[in-house]
Amino acid sequence: MVNLIKNATTQGIYILTDTAGAWVAANTPGNADLALLTLGTSYIYFSSIVRFEHQQTHNYESDTQRGWRTWPSAEGKMAANTAGHERDLVSLTVEDTETTAEYIEFMGKYYNRTDHLGAAYRLYLVKQTASESFRKFPDYTPNATLKNYLPVIIRGVNCVETGNSDRQTITLALEAIWS
């Protein structure tokens, strides 16, 4: 197995932690060293991607998540404001083994525990499209700089056995988080 993501020749999706801030700050997920991580505990890899969906919402959700808000200001006229709050959601469906299903279920519980919510336990989604090419996601800076990763929390995991106990269809619901 290759140690650095950029040395992998296949396309796929990684969900992983940063190794001591080694690649997130530099926006170089290809330098993530898998030898420093543990499969199923601090990273997971999916190569058989059935469906990948990235959705952004900019809607008003509450007084603390204002986003775009519109209201009638006069007959036939609308007014609007925004506080810049946004939400990124990812729906990911993959095919993999029962062991991989167990790993992602574990990671969903482990990284969402209260004592694991600090930066050291943050998860990142990295979608590799070629050896050193990655899908870019806009971050939450005022200029929405493009990054080669998306910081996420696992909102849901759905594992379906498809006729063979070692063949699973796994669907993940992920939400982007930025600090």
C-alpha atoms as a PDB file:
ATOM      1  CA  MET A   1       0.000   0.000   0.000  1.00  0.00           C
ATOM      2  CA  VAL A   2       1.168   3.522  -0.784  1.00  0.00           C
ATOM      3  CA  ASN A   3       1.832   5.805   2.158  1.00  0.00           C
ATOM      4  CA  LEU A   4       1.066   9.198   0.614  1.00  0.00           C
ATOM      5  CA  ILE A   5      -2.315   9.750  -1.021  1.00  0.00           C
ATOM      6  CA  LYS A   6      -0.702  11.463  -4.008  1.00  0.00           C
ATOM      7  CA  ASN A   7       1.161   8.234  -4.810  1.00  0.00           C
ATOM      8  CA  ALA A   8      -2.099   6.329  -5.302  1.00  0.00           C
ATOM      9  CA  THR A   9      -2.992   5.772  -8.932  1.00  0.00           C
ATOM     10  CA  THR A  10      -6.705   5.132  -8.456  1.00  0.00           C
ATOM     11  CA  GLN A  11      -9.542   7.562  -8.017  1.00  0.00           C
ATOM     12  CA  GLY A  12     -11.522   7.522  -4.824  1.00  0.00           C
ATOM     13  CA  ILE A  13     -12.708   9.254  -1.708  1.00  0.00           C
ATOM     14  CA  TYR A  14     -10.864   9.460   1.581  1.00  0.00           C
ATOM     15  CA  ILE A  15     -12.348  10.488   4.899  1.00  0.00           C
ATOM     16  CA  LEU A  16      -9.445  11.102   7.240  1.00  0.00           C
ATOM     17  CA  THR A  17      -7.901  13.141   9.998  1.00  0.00           C
ATOM     18  CA  ASP A  18      -4.993  15.512   9.515  1.00  0.00           C
ATOM     19  CA  THR A  19      -1.637  14.306  10.781  1.00  0.00           C
ATOM     20  CA  ALA A  20      -0.487  17.067  13.125  1.00  0.00           C
ATOM     21  CA  GLY A  21      -1.629  19.793  10.728  1.00  0.00           C
ATOM     22  CA  ALA A  22       0.707  18.468   8.060  1.00  0.00           C
ATOM     23  CA  TRP A  23      -1.481  18.891   4.991  1.00  0.00           C
ATOM     24  CA  VAL A  24      -4.641  20.872   5.785  1.00  0.00           C
ATOM     25  CA  ALA A  25      -2.874  24.196   6.408  1.00  0.00           C
ATOM     26  CA  ALA A  26      -0.909  23.773   3.168  1.00  0.00           C
ATOM     27  CA  ASN A  27      -3.992  22.583   1.204  1.00  0.00           C
ATOM     28  CA  THR A  28      -2.027  19.523   0.072  1.00  0.00           C
ATOM     29  CA  PRO A  29      -4.074  16.404   0.873  1.00  0.00           C
ATOM     30  CA  GLY A  30      -1.781  14.386  -1.365  1.00  0.00           C
ATOM     31  CA  ASN A  31       0.808  14.673   1.405  1.00  0.00           C
ATOM     32  CA  ALA A  32      -1.431  12.929   3.939  1.00  0.00           C
ATOM     33  CA  ASP A  33       0.654   9.995   5.147  1.00  0.00           C
ATOM     34  CA  LEU A  34      -1.576   6.952   5.603  1.00  0.00           C
ATOM     35  CA  ALA A  35       1.253   5.172   7.431  1.00  0.00           C
ATOM     36  CA  LEU A  36       0.648   7.579  10.316  1.00  0.00           C
ATOM     37  CA  LEU A  37      -3.072   6.784  10.358  1.00  0.00           C
ATOM     38  CA  THR A  38      -5.057   3.653  11.143  1.00  0.00           C
ATOM     39  CA  LEU A  39      -7.514   2.243   8.627  1.00  0.00           C
ATOM     40  CA  GLY A  40     -10.981   2.243  10.136  1.00  0.00           C
ATOM     41  CA  THR A  41      -9.995   4.493  13.028  1.00  0.00           C
ATOM     42  CA  SER A  42      -8.434   7.634  11.560  1.00  0.00           C
ATOM     43  CA  TYR A  43      -9.069   7.125   7.845  1.00  0.00           C
ATOM     44  CA  ILE A  44     -11.175   5.220   5.384  1.00  0.00           C
ATOM     45  CA  TYR A  45     -10.992   4.934   1.605  1.00  0.00           C
ATOM     46  CA  PHE A  46     -13.721   4.230  -0.925  1.00  0.00           C
ATOM     47  CA  SER A  47     -12.834   3.283  -4.498  1.00  0.00           C
ATOM     48  CA  SER A  48     -16.189   2.042  -5.791  1.00  0.00           C
ATOM     49  CA  ILE A  49     -18.233   5.241  -5.801  1.00  0.00           C
ATOM     50  CA  VAL A  50     -21.830   4.802  -6.914  1.00  0.00           C
ATOM     51  CA  ARG A  51     -22.989   8.365  -6.277  1.00  0.00           C
ATOM     52  CA  PHE A  52     -21.422  11.583  -4.995  1.00  0.00           C
ATOM     53  CA  GLU A  53     -23.592  14.622  -4.341  1.00  0.00           C
ATOM     54  CA  HIS A  54     -22.430  17.953  -2.944  1.00  0.00           C
ATOM     55  CA  GLN A  55     -25.163  20.421  -2.010  1.00  0.00           C
ATOM     56  CA  GLN A  56     -24.913  23.956  -0.701  1.00  0.00           C
ATOM     57  CA  THR A  57     -27.715  25.777   1.059  1.00  0.00           C
ATOM     58  CA  HIS A  58     -27.715  29.503   1.759  1.00  0.00           C
ATOM     59  CA  ASN A  59     -31.141  29.695   3.361  1.00  0.00           C
ATOM     60  CA  TYR A  60     -32.301  31.407   6.519  1.00  0.00           C
ATOM     61  CA  GLU A  61     -32.514  28.661   9.142  1.00  0.00           C
ATOM     62  CA  SER A  62     -32.566  30.573  12.433  1.00  0.00           C
ATOM     63  CA  ASP A  63     -31.368  33.803  14.000  1.00  0.00           C
ATOM     64  CA  THR A  64     -27.938  32.236  14.425  1.00  0.00           C
ATOM     65  CA  GLN A  65     -27.872  30.692  10.929  1.00  0.00           C
ATOM     66  CA  ARG A  66     -29.279  33.598   8.968  1.00  0.00           C
ATOM     67  CA  GLY A  67     -28.140  32.933   5.427  1.00  0.00           C
ATOM     68  CA  TRP A  68     -30.309  34.567   2.770  1.00  0.00           C
ATOM     69  CA  ARG A  69     -33.657  35.804   3.994  1.00  0.00           C
ATOM     70  CA  THR A  70     -36.358  37.446   1.895  1.00  0.00           C
ATOM     71  CA  TRP A  71     -39.649  39.094   2.818  1.00  0.00           C
ATOM     72  CA  PRO A  72     -42.275  41.252   1.129  1.00  0.00           C
ATOM     73  CA  SER A  73     -41.496  44.937   1.637  1.00  0.00           C
ATOM     74  CA  ALA A  74     -44.372  46.384  -0.358  1.00  0.00           C
ATOM     75  CA  GLU A  75     -46.907  45.164  -2.842  1.00  0.00           C
ATOM     76  CA  GLY A  76     -44.988  43.333  -5.570  1.00  0.00           C
ATOM     77  CA  LYS A  77     -41.614  44.092  -3.947  1.00  0.00           C
ATOM     78  CA  MET A  78     -39.196  41.941  -1.981  1.00  0.00           C
ATOM     79  CA  ALA A  79     -36.460  42.839   0.465  1.00  0.00           C
ATOM     80  CA  ALA A  80     -33.515  40.623   1.395  1.00  0.00           C
ATOM     81  CA  ASN A  81     -30.529  40.339   3.681  1.00  0.00           C
ATOM     82  CA  THR A  82     -27.819  37.838   4.391  1.00  0.00           C
ATOM     83  CA  ALA A  83     -25.394  37.079   7.167  1.00  0.00           C
ATOM     84  CA  GLY A  84     -23.278  34.811   4.996  1.00  0.00           C
ATOM     85  CA  HIS A  85     -24.155  31.571   6.744  1.00  0.00           C
ATOM     86  CA  GLU A  86     -24.136  28.534   4.529  1.00  0.00           C
ATOM     87  CA  ARG A  87     -24.336  24.802   4.858  1.00  0.00           C
ATOM     88  CA  ASP A  88     -22.625  22.189   2.693  1.00  0.00           C
ATOM     89  CA  LEU A  89     -24.070  18.693   2.609  1.00  0.00           C
ATOM     90  CA  VAL A  90     -22.576  15.611   0.974  1.00  0.00           C
ATOM     91  CA  SER A  91     -24.424  12.424   0.152  1.00  0.00           C
ATOM     92  CA  LEU A  92     -22.086   9.599  -0.770  1.00  0.00           C
ATOM     93  CA  THR A  93     -23.046   6.089  -1.860  1.00  0.00           C
ATOM     94  CA  VAL A  94     -20.342   3.461  -2.286  1.00  0.00           C
ATOM     95  CA  GLU A  95     -20.058  -0.292  -2.646  1.00  0.00           C
ATOM     96  CA  ASP A  96     -17.608  -2.017  -0.364  1.00  0.00           C
ATOM     97  CA  THR A  97     -17.121  -4.824   2.129  1.00  0.00           C
ATOM     98  CA  GLU A  98     -18.800  -5.531   5.445  1.00  0.00           C
ATOM     99  CA  THR A  99     -15.525  -4.611   7.166  1.00  0.00           C
ATOM    100  CA  THR A 100     -15.586  -1.171   5.529  1.00  0.00           C
ATOM    101  CA  ALA A 101     -19.201  -0.745   6.682  1.00  0.00           C
ATOM    102  CA  GLU A 102     -18.103  -1.565  10.228  1.00  0.00           C
ATOM    103  CA  TYR A 103     -15.224   0.936   9.977  1.00  0.00           C
ATOM    104  CA  ILE A 104     -17.401   3.837   8.826  1.00  0.00           C
ATOM    105  CA  GLU A 105     -20.050   3.054  11.454  1.00  0.00           C
ATOM    106  CA  PHE A 106     -17.292   3.146  14.086  1.00  0.00           C
ATOM    107  CA  MET A 107     -15.896   6.430  12.753  1.00  0.00           C
ATOM    108  CA  GLY A 108     -19.384   7.956  12.756  1.00  0.00           C
ATOM    109  CA  LYS A 109     -19.796   7.242  16.436  1.00  0.00           C
ATOM    110  CA  TYR A 110     -16.192   7.894  17.492  1.00  0.00           C
ATOM    111  CA  TYR A 111     -15.730  11.299  15.852  1.00  0.00           C
ATOM    112  CA  ASN A 112     -19.131  12.628  16.864  1.00  0.00           C
ATOM    113  CA  ARG A 113     -18.573  12.078  20.588  1.00  0.00           C
ATOM    114  CA  THR A 114     -18.415  15.224  22.726  1.00  0.00           C
ATOM    115  CA  ASP A 115     -14.814  14.682  23.826  1.00  0.00           C
ATOM    116  CA  HIS A 116     -13.675  14.226  20.204  1.00  0.00           C
ATOM    117  CA  LEU A 117     -14.966  17.466  18.689  1.00  0.00           C
ATOM    118  CA  GLY A 118     -11.686  19.404  18.838  1.00  0.00           C
ATOM    119  CA  ALA A 119      -9.497  20.179  15.841  1.00  0.00           C
ATOM    120  CA  ALA A 120      -7.333  17.121  16.458  1.00  0.00           C
ATOM    121  CA  TYR A 121     -10.353  14.922  15.758  1.00  0.00           C
ATOM    122  CA  ARG A 122     -11.714  16.762  12.737  1.00  0.00           C
ATOM    123  CA  LEU A 123     -12.493  14.661   9.680  1.00  0.00           C
ATOM    124  CA  TYR A 124     -11.835  15.767   6.124  1.00  0.00           C
ATOM    125  CA  LEU A 125     -13.322  14.513   2.884  1.00  0.00           C
ATOM    126  CA  VAL A 126     -10.795  14.315   0.055  1.00  0.00           C
ATOM    127  CA  LYS A 127     -12.019  13.318  -3.400  1.00  0.00           C
ATOM    128  CA  GLN A 128      -9.052  12.246  -5.489  1.00  0.00           C
ATOM    129  CA  THR A 129      -9.583  12.403  -9.254  1.00  0.00           C
ATOM    130  CA  ALA A 130      -6.027  11.528 -10.386  1.00  0.00           C
ATOM    131  CA  SER A 131      -2.596  11.017  -8.838  1.00  0.00           C
ATOM    132  CA  GLU A 132      -2.204  14.600  -7.601  1.00  0.00           C
ATOM    133  CA  SER A 133      -5.595  16.035  -8.559  1.00  0.00           C
ATOM    134  CA  PHE A 134      -8.417  16.659  -6.118  1.00  0.00           C
ATOM    135  CA  ARG A 135     -11.940  18.011  -6.318  1.00  0.00           C
ATOM    136  CA  LYS A 136     -12.018  21.542  -4.992  1.00  0.00           C
ATOM    137  CA  PHE A 137     -14.553  22.887  -2.504  1.00  0.00           C
ATOM    138  CA  PRO A 138     -15.123  26.567  -1.591  1.00  0.00           C
ATOM    139  CA  ASP A 139     -14.292  27.322   2.027  1.00  0.00           C
ATOM    140  CA  TYR A 140     -16.022  29.848   4.270  1.00  0.00           C
ATOM    141  CA  THR A 141     -13.591  32.717   3.974  1.00  0.00           C
ATOM    142  CA  PRO A 142     -15.097  35.915   2.535  1.00  0.00           C
ATOM    143  CA  ASN A 143     -13.566  35.088  -0.855  1.00  0.00           C
ATOM    144  CA  ALA A 144     -14.656  31.414  -0.751  1.00  0.00           C
ATOM    145  CA  THR A 145     -11.142  30.181  -1.559  1.00  0.00           C
ATOM    146  CA  LEU A 146     -11.066  26.776  -3.232  1.00  0.00           C
ATOM    147  CA  LYS A 147      -9.621  24.000  -1.087  1.00  0.00           C
ATOM    148  CA  ASN A 148      -8.688  20.427  -1.962  1.00  0.00           C
ATOM    149  CA  TYR A 149     -10.704  19.087   0.963  1.00  0.00           C
ATOM    150  CA  LEU A 150     -13.952  19.556   2.834  1.00  0.00           C
ATOM    151  CA  PRO A 151     -14.004  19.382   6.657  1.00  0.00           C
ATOM    152  CA  VAL A 152     -16.983  17.202   7.562  1.00  0.00           C
ATOM    153  CA  ILE A 153     -18.915  15.547  10.326  1.00  0.00           C
ATOM    154  CA  ILE A 154     -20.691  12.269   9.758  1.00  0.00           C
ATOM    155  CA  ARG A 155     -24.445  12.894  10.059  1.00  0.00           C
ATOM    156  CA  GLY A 156     -25.602   9.431   9.089  1.00  0.00           C
ATOM    157  CA  VAL A 157     -24.529   6.010   7.863  1.00  0.00           C
ATOM    158  CA  ASN A 158     -26.785   3.521   6.105  1.00  0.00           C
ATOM    159  CA  CYS A 159     -25.377   0.063   5.286  1.00  0.00           C
ATOM    160  CA  VAL A 160     -27.350  -2.379   3.149  1.00  0.00           C
ATOM    161  CA  GLU A 161     -26.274  -5.950   2.522  1.00  0.00           C
ATOM    162  CA  THR A 162     -26.865  -6.744  -1.126  1.00  0.00           C
ATOM    163  CA  GLY A 163     -27.246 -10.540  -1.238  1.00  0.00           C
ATOM    164  CA  ASN A 164     -23.711 -11.325  -0.154  1.00  0.00           C
ATOM    165  CA  SER A 165     -22.643 -10.635   3.416  1.00  0.00           C
ATOM    166  CA  ASP A 166     -19.354  -9.224   2.194  1.00  0.00           C
ATOM    167  CA  ARG A 167     -20.967  -6.846  -0.316  1.00  0.00           C
ATOM    168  CA  GLN A 168     -22.487  -3.693   1.131  1.00  0.00           C
ATOM    169  CA  THR A 169     -24.057  -0.586  -0.323  1.00  0.00           C
ATOM    170  CA  ILE A 170     -23.055   2.187   2.076  1.00  0.00           C
ATOM    171  CA  THR A 171     -24.648   5.626   2.039  1.00  0.00           C
ATOM    172  CA  LEU A 172     -23.151   8.457   4.073  1.00  0.00           C
ATOM    173  CA  ALA A 173     -24.668  11.806   4.991  1.00  0.00           C
ATOM    174  CA  LEU A 174     -21.921  14.320   5.707  1.00  0.00           C
ATOM    175  CA  GLU A 175     -22.109  17.978   6.674  1.00  0.00           C
ATOM    176  CA  ALA A 176     -19.334  20.486   6.125  1.00  0.00           C
ATOM    177  CA  ILE A 177     -17.983  22.327   9.120  1.00  0.00           C
ATOM    178  CA  TRP A 178     -15.626  25.289   9.020  1.00  0.00           C
ATOM    179  CA  SER A 179     -14.051  27.132  11.889  1.00  0.00           C
END
